[in-house]
Protein backbone atom coordinates (compact mmCIF):
# COMPACT_ATOMS: atom_id res chain seq x y z
CA MET A 1 -47.83 16.47 49.17
CA ARG A 2 -47.61 15.71 45.16
CA VAL A 3 -44.28 16.95 44.31
CA PRO A 4 -42.61 14.90 46.64
CA LEU A 5 -44.67 11.93 45.32
CA ALA A 6 -43.55 12.66 41.77
CA ALA A 7 -40.21 13.57 42.74
CA ALA A 8 -39.85 9.91 44.34
CA ALA A 9 -41.19 8.46 41.10
CA LEU A 10 -39.16 10.23 38.79
CA VAL A 11 -36.16 8.49 41.05
CA SER A 12 -37.37 5.71 41.32
CA LEU A 13 -37.61 5.29 37.28
CA TRP A 14 -34.46 6.88 36.91
CA ALA A 15 -32.69 4.16 39.43
CA VAL A 16 -34.61 1.33 37.56
CA ALA A 17 -33.05 3.04 33.53
CA ALA A 18 -29.71 3.13 35.43
CA ALA A 19 -29.95 -0.70 36.83
CA HIS A 20 -30.95 -1.87 33.27
CA ALA A 21 -28.13 0.19 31.67
CA THR A 22 -25.63 -1.04 34.00
CA ARG A 23 -26.53 -4.27 33.33
CA ALA A 24 -26.63 -4.01 29.64
CA ASP A 25 -23.57 -2.24 29.28
CA ALA A 26 -21.92 -4.74 31.03
CA PRO A 27 -20.54 -6.75 27.86
CA ALA A 28 -19.11 -3.61 26.58
CA ALA A 29 -17.29 -3.05 29.67
CA ARG A 30 -15.78 -6.58 29.69
CA ARG A 31 -14.82 -5.82 26.20
CA ASP A 32 -13.02 -2.48 27.15
CA ALA A 33 -11.21 -4.23 30.18
CA GLN A 34 -10.16 -6.89 27.73
CA ALA A 35 -8.78 -4.48 25.25
CA GLY A 36 -6.90 -2.59 27.35
CA SER A 37 -5.01 -5.87 28.49
CA SER A 38 -3.80 -5.95 24.92
CA PRO A 39 -0.16 -6.03 24.46
CA PRO A 40 1.91 -2.77 24.71
CA VAL A 41 3.84 -0.84 21.42
CA THR A 42 6.61 -2.25 21.11
CA ARG A 43 8.02 -1.59 17.62
CA SER A 44 7.22 1.66 15.14
CA THR A 45 6.53 1.50 11.30
CA TRP A 46 10.62 2.52 11.18
CA ASP A 47 11.14 -1.24 12.62
CA ARG A 48 11.03 -2.79 9.20
CA VAL A 49 7.68 -4.56 9.87
CA TYR A 50 6.98 -5.73 6.59
CA SER A 51 8.60 -7.34 3.50
CA ASP A 52 9.30 -6.05 -0.02
CA GLU A 53 7.72 -9.09 -1.19
CA GLN A 54 3.90 -8.32 0.68
CA ALA A 55 4.43 -4.58 -0.80
CA LYS A 56 4.43 -5.93 -4.07
CA ARG A 57 1.45 -7.90 -3.21
CA GLY A 58 -0.27 -5.11 -1.58
CA ALA A 59 0.44 -3.12 -4.84
CA GLY A 60 -1.32 -5.75 -6.83
CA VAL A 61 -4.21 -5.70 -4.22
CA TYR A 62 -4.41 -1.90 -4.12
CA ALA A 63 -4.43 -1.46 -8.18
CA LEU A 64 -7.67 -3.79 -8.18
CA ARG A 65 -9.40 -2.69 -4.86
CA CYS A 66 -8.29 0.95 -4.07
CA THR A 67 -7.53 2.88 -6.91
CA HIS A 68 -10.55 4.04 -8.36
CA CYS A 69 -10.84 6.09 -5.35
CA HIS A 70 -7.37 6.72 -3.90
CA GLY A 71 -5.68 7.25 -7.42
CA GLU A 72 -2.78 5.25 -8.90
CA LEU A 73 -0.16 7.58 -6.70
CA LEU A 74 -2.22 7.36 -3.74
CA GLY A 75 -3.13 10.70 -3.78
CA GLY A 76 -6.88 10.21 -3.22
CA ASN A 77 -9.41 11.50 -5.38
CA GLY A 78 -10.12 15.35 -4.12
CA GLU A 79 -13.31 14.84 -2.99
CA GLU A 80 -14.29 11.77 -0.50
CA ALA A 81 -10.98 9.44 -0.51
CA THR A 82 -8.18 10.98 1.10
CA PRO A 83 -4.51 10.59 0.51
CA LEU A 84 -2.65 7.55 1.60
CA ALA A 85 0.72 8.85 1.10
CA GLY A 86 2.33 12.27 1.69
CA PRO A 87 2.01 14.52 4.74
CA ALA A 88 -1.62 14.63 5.37
CA PHE A 89 -1.82 10.96 5.50
CA LEU A 90 1.25 10.88 7.73
CA SER A 91 0.26 13.60 9.95
CA ALA A 92 -3.56 11.95 10.33
CA TRP A 93 -2.13 8.58 11.58
CA ASP A 94 1.12 9.62 13.84
CA GLY A 95 0.63 8.33 17.00
CA SER A 96 -2.00 5.93 16.18
CA THR A 97 -1.43 2.09 15.71
CA LEU A 98 -1.40 -0.18 12.88
CA GLY A 99 -4.16 -2.01 14.37
CA ALA A 100 -6.29 1.05 14.25
CA LEU A 101 -5.53 1.66 10.49
CA PHE A 102 -6.08 -2.34 9.83
CA SER A 103 -9.67 -1.62 11.49
CA ARG A 104 -10.49 1.15 9.75
CA ILE A 105 -9.60 -0.22 6.35
CA ARG A 106 -11.64 -3.80 7.45
CA THR A 107 -14.99 -1.87 8.30
CA THR A 108 -14.85 0.96 5.92
CA MET A 109 -13.10 -0.10 2.76
CA PRO A 110 -13.63 -0.44 -0.34
CA ASP A 111 -15.85 2.34 -0.01
CA ASP A 112 -18.50 0.83 -2.42
CA ASN A 113 -18.44 -2.91 -0.62
CA PRO A 114 -17.10 -2.06 2.46
CA GLY A 115 -15.63 -5.46 4.47
CA THR A 116 -15.10 -7.40 1.71
CA LEU A 117 -11.07 -7.17 1.70
CA GLY A 118 -9.68 -10.29 3.65
CA GLY A 119 -6.95 -9.85 6.25
CA GLN A 120 -4.46 -10.75 4.42
CA GLU A 121 -5.28 -8.58 1.73
CA ILE A 122 -5.20 -5.58 4.03
CA ALA A 123 -1.91 -6.04 5.52
CA ASP A 124 -0.55 -6.57 2.02
CA VAL A 125 -2.20 -3.23 1.22
CA MET A 126 -1.20 -1.63 4.41
CA ALA A 127 2.37 -3.01 3.36
CA TYR A 128 2.42 -0.72 0.18
CA VAL A 129 0.99 1.88 1.39
CA LEU A 130 4.13 1.95 4.23
CA SER A 131 6.18 1.49 1.37
CA VAL A 132 4.84 4.17 -1.02
CA ASN A 133 5.37 6.36 2.28
CA LYS A 134 8.97 5.38 2.48
CA PHE A 135 9.12 3.25 5.58
CA PRO A 136 11.73 0.62 5.83
CA SER A 137 11.21 -2.99 4.53
CA GLY A 138 12.39 -5.95 6.44
CA GLN A 139 12.31 -10.11 6.48
CA ALA A 140 9.14 -10.47 8.31
CA GLU A 141 5.81 -9.93 7.09
CA LEU A 142 3.10 -7.53 8.69
CA PRO A 143 0.77 -9.63 10.34
CA HIS A 144 -2.94 -9.80 9.61
CA ASP A 145 -4.22 -9.68 12.82
CA SER A 146 -5.39 -6.38 14.56
CA VAL A 147 -4.24 -7.76 18.22
CA GLN A 148 -0.67 -8.02 16.84
CA LEU A 149 -0.55 -4.96 14.86
CA GLN A 150 -1.94 -2.70 18.20
CA GLN A 151 1.85 -3.23 18.99
CA ILE A 152 2.94 -1.39 16.30
CA ARG A 153 2.91 2.68 16.45
CA PHE A 154 2.55 4.64 13.66
CA GLN A 155 5.44 6.77 13.60
CA ALA A 156 5.51 9.60 11.08
CA SER A 157 9.04 10.75 12.13
CA LYS A 158 11.72 8.41 12.70
CA SER A 159 13.22 10.61 15.80
CA HIS A 160 10.45 9.32 17.51
CA ALA A 161 10.31 5.74 16.68
CA VAL A 162 9.28 3.64 19.79
CA GLY A 163 12.20 1.10 19.21
CA ARG A 164 15.24 3.58 19.14
CA ALA A 165 17.60 3.75 22.23
CA GLN A 166 17.62 7.39 24.18
CA ASP A 167 21.05 7.83 23.00
CA GLY A 168 19.90 7.80 18.96
CA ARG A 169 21.53 4.82 18.07
């Protein structure tokens, strides 16, 4: 008789805890559902998503805020700071979105004072990084809004670019 009573008590406690967790997780579930309604990816890094002027501004911000860890040539410091140019960087971000890159920078950089870069500064640095990695520039500036940046896929290879026609044109 004691075992069934103990089991019933455990099941009851589990049910109460599960109900509480579900209520507590409801805001997170709503956020996740809203995040799922973000605009579809329609462009890639090969679609001229930043301007030369923006990349120049980004070079200035990079020199002041990023060089001490990532180096003048964006090669990283060989320890904690990863390269921001070259095959390792391209491979690490390939298939992600510029929104994900923007969010990573916004929440973790600079390493000695995370979260202190403004949205425009981050977008400008991203434009600089794209330019160093030989992505083509255009007339429009990279937006400094993570939702808009979610529409731009980071494509390391031009052959997989989102906006390209099936026949390669």
